Protein backbone atom coordinates (compact mmCIF):
# COMPACT_ATOMS: atom_id res chain seq x y z
CA MET A 1 114.83 1.11 -169.93
CA PRO A 2 116.63 3.57 -170.49
CA CYS A 3 119.88 0.98 -170.76
CA VAL A 4 123.01 1.13 -172.45
CA ILE A 5 123.90 -0.66 -175.87
CA LYS A 6 127.50 -1.43 -176.85
CA PRO A 7 129.88 -3.29 -178.99
CA VAL A 8 131.34 -6.00 -177.02
CA ASN A 9 135.09 -4.87 -178.25
CA GLY A 10 136.51 -1.73 -179.80
CA GLY A 11 136.87 1.31 -177.72
CA SER A 12 136.30 4.65 -177.61
CA SER A 13 132.37 4.68 -177.20
CA ILE A 14 131.97 4.06 -181.38
CA GLY A 15 128.32 2.36 -181.29
CA VAL A 16 127.16 2.84 -177.83
CA SER A 17 124.00 4.70 -177.24
CA ILE A 18 121.69 5.35 -174.85
CA VAL A 19 117.97 4.03 -175.00
CA THR A 20 115.21 5.81 -172.85
CA ARG A 21 112.25 4.46 -175.46
CA GLN A 22 111.82 0.98 -176.62
CA GLU A 23 110.87 1.87 -180.12
CA ASP A 24 114.68 3.27 -180.17
CA LEU A 25 116.09 -0.50 -179.04
CA SER A 26 116.55 -1.95 -182.32
CA LYS A 27 117.84 0.81 -184.50
CA ALA A 28 120.65 1.29 -181.22
CA ILE A 29 121.60 -2.70 -181.85
CA LEU A 30 121.63 -2.61 -185.46
CA GLU A 31 124.48 0.56 -185.28
CA ALA A 32 126.27 -1.33 -182.40
CA LYS A 33 126.32 -4.09 -184.87
CA LYS A 34 127.83 -2.40 -187.58
CA TYR A 35 131.05 -2.88 -185.05
CA ASP A 36 130.80 -6.04 -183.51
CA GLU A 37 128.78 -9.53 -184.02
CA ASN A 38 128.31 -9.26 -180.06
CA ILE A 39 126.35 -6.31 -178.78
CA VAL A 40 126.18 -6.24 -174.56
CA VAL A 41 122.59 -4.91 -173.70
CA GLU A 42 122.73 -3.19 -169.82
CA GLU A 43 121.10 -1.17 -167.69
CA LEU A 44 121.60 2.58 -167.61
CA ILE A 45 123.37 3.59 -164.41
CA LYS A 46 123.50 7.03 -163.34
CA GLY A 47 125.98 8.08 -160.74
CA VAL A 48 129.58 8.88 -160.58
CA GLU A 49 131.60 7.64 -163.30
CA VAL A 50 135.21 7.29 -162.51
CA THR A 51 138.10 4.84 -163.95
CA CYS A 52 141.28 3.57 -162.69
CA GLY A 53 144.13 1.84 -164.18
CA VAL A 54 146.37 -0.82 -163.42
CA LEU A 55 150.35 -0.84 -163.46
CA GLY A 56 151.51 -4.26 -162.68
CA ASP A 57 150.15 -4.92 -159.08
CA VAL A 58 149.22 -1.20 -158.33
CA ALA A 59 145.96 0.89 -158.37
CA LEU A 60 147.08 4.03 -160.04
CA PRO A 61 144.99 7.39 -158.63
CA VAL A 62 141.44 7.39 -159.43
CA VAL A 63 139.94 9.58 -162.18
CA GLU A 64 136.79 11.34 -162.17
CA ILE A 65 135.45 11.52 -164.99
CA VAL A 66 132.38 14.59 -165.55
CA PRO A 67 130.96 14.88 -169.53
CA LYS A 68 128.70 17.86 -170.84
CA ASN A 69 127.20 15.36 -173.12
CA ASP A 70 124.39 12.96 -171.38
CA PHE A 71 127.65 9.79 -171.56
CA PHE A 72 131.08 9.95 -171.75
CA ASP A 73 131.05 9.40 -175.66
CA TYR A 74 133.15 10.01 -178.48
CA GLU A 75 132.96 13.66 -178.76
CA ALA A 76 133.16 14.11 -175.20
CA LYS A 77 136.31 12.29 -174.75
CA TYR A 78 138.63 14.11 -178.06
CA THR A 79 136.78 17.57 -178.52
CA ASP A 80 139.17 19.68 -176.03
CA GLY A 81 136.03 20.96 -173.24
CA MET A 82 133.34 18.51 -173.52
CA SER A 83 134.59 16.43 -170.31
CA GLN A 84 136.22 17.65 -167.13
CA GLU A 85 138.47 14.38 -166.53
CA ILE A 86 139.72 15.47 -162.25
CA CYS A 87 142.43 13.76 -161.06
CA PRO A 88 142.11 12.48 -157.87
CA ALA A 89 138.76 11.71 -157.83
CA ARG A 90 136.33 13.96 -155.42
CA ILE A 91 135.33 10.70 -153.76
CA SER A 92 136.05 9.95 -149.82
CA GLU A 93 139.43 8.42 -149.37
CA GLU A 94 137.58 5.15 -148.56
CA MET A 95 135.70 5.17 -151.61
CA THR A 96 139.16 5.36 -153.64
CA LYS A 97 140.58 2.75 -151.68
CA LYS A 98 137.33 0.38 -152.64
CA VAL A 99 137.85 1.33 -156.10
CA GLN A 100 141.14 0.74 -156.34
CA ASN A 101 141.05 -2.36 -154.95
CA LEU A 102 138.06 -3.40 -157.00
CA ALA A 103 140.53 -2.01 -159.88
CA LEU A 104 142.90 -4.51 -158.60
CA LYS A 105 140.77 -7.66 -158.61
CA VAL A 106 139.13 -7.29 -162.05
CA PHE A 107 142.70 -7.16 -163.25
CA LYS A 108 143.11 -9.92 -161.52
CA ILE A 109 140.09 -12.17 -162.76
CA ILE A 110 140.78 -11.31 -166.48
CA GLY A 111 144.16 -13.12 -165.95
CA GLY A 112 145.89 -9.16 -166.75
CA ARG A 113 149.18 -8.35 -167.20
CA GLY A 114 151.30 -5.32 -167.89
CA TYR A 115 148.56 -2.77 -167.28
CA THR A 116 144.68 -1.63 -167.94
CA ARG A 117 141.84 0.86 -166.83
CA VAL A 118 138.66 -0.28 -165.52
CA ASP A 119 136.06 1.94 -165.80
CA MET A 120 132.93 1.98 -162.94
CA ILE A 121 129.83 3.99 -161.84
CA ILE A 122 129.48 5.03 -158.42
CA LYS A 123 125.77 5.08 -157.09
CA ASP A 124 124.35 5.32 -153.37
CA GLY A 125 127.29 3.88 -151.92
CA LEU A 126 127.68 0.58 -154.48
CA ILE A 127 130.37 0.18 -156.94
CA TYR A 128 129.57 -0.69 -160.84
CA VAL A 129 132.12 -1.85 -162.74
CA LEU A 130 131.48 -0.88 -166.47
CA GLU A 131 134.30 -2.14 -168.44
CA ILE A 132 137.82 -2.82 -168.42
CA ASN A 133 140.11 -1.58 -171.03
CA THR A 134 142.87 -4.28 -171.96
CA LEU A 135 144.28 -1.77 -174.61
CA PRO A 136 143.95 1.83 -173.01
CA GLY A 137 144.18 4.66 -175.13
CA MET A 138 147.97 5.63 -174.64
CA THR A 139 148.45 9.51 -175.93
CA PRO A 140 149.86 11.96 -173.26
CA ASN A 141 146.71 12.86 -172.88
CA SER A 142 144.73 9.66 -172.42
CA LEU A 143 143.67 8.33 -168.75
CA LEU A 144 146.01 6.15 -167.85
CA PRO A 145 148.69 8.61 -168.44
CA LYS A 146 147.01 11.29 -166.51
CA GLU A 147 146.78 9.09 -163.61
CA ALA A 148 150.59 7.90 -163.82
CA LYS A 149 151.07 12.10 -163.71
CA ALA A 150 149.27 12.17 -160.81
CA MET A 151 151.54 9.66 -158.86
CA GLY A 152 154.47 11.05 -160.12
CA LEU A 153 155.38 9.23 -163.22
CA SER A 154 155.97 11.55 -166.11
CA TYR A 155 154.86 9.67 -169.44
CA SER A 156 158.17 7.93 -170.37
CA GLN A 157 158.25 6.84 -167.05
CA LEU A 158 154.91 5.39 -167.69
CA LEU A 159 156.15 4.01 -170.65
CA ASP A 160 159.11 2.65 -169.26
CA ARG A 161 157.38 0.83 -166.81
CA ILE A 162 155.12 -0.68 -169.55
CA ILE A 163 157.99 -2.34 -171.34
CA GLU A 164 159.51 -3.90 -168.29
CA LEU A 165 156.09 -5.29 -167.29
CA ALA A 166 156.17 -6.96 -170.94
CA LEU A 167 159.42 -8.32 -170.62
CA GLU A 168 158.58 -9.86 -167.51
């Protein structure tokens, strides 16, 4: 404790709970199982939350996520003013390169194709991979399009590139 309980599949932090007391564990497990029979129970790691998209064989600029809630939950993701998404992230150039290299490595390990986004926490100089989003949100305000914009790709250029990668 504390720990994070989440469904293996799904997204938008639906069914995710942070548990700080043993007596709340069963309730959190039942909540996660509403969305997937398979769940993950992991240690809660407090640190700098970042995400890094991959487009083909290129790591995108890193985004730092600063939620106003306890974590980047559904409300923080989709309610204006409930989080800051800072791109590029306020981390050193060296740490940025490490995050980008790790995102590329994770993408290759799972046999990824096209595009993805890898969510991580940085704590005490170590990078912890939280999850890989194999179909990340693609609205103009989603994180991957924000990263692409930071490297000079418009939303339509990003979509064109994703289509090109799918056709390869």
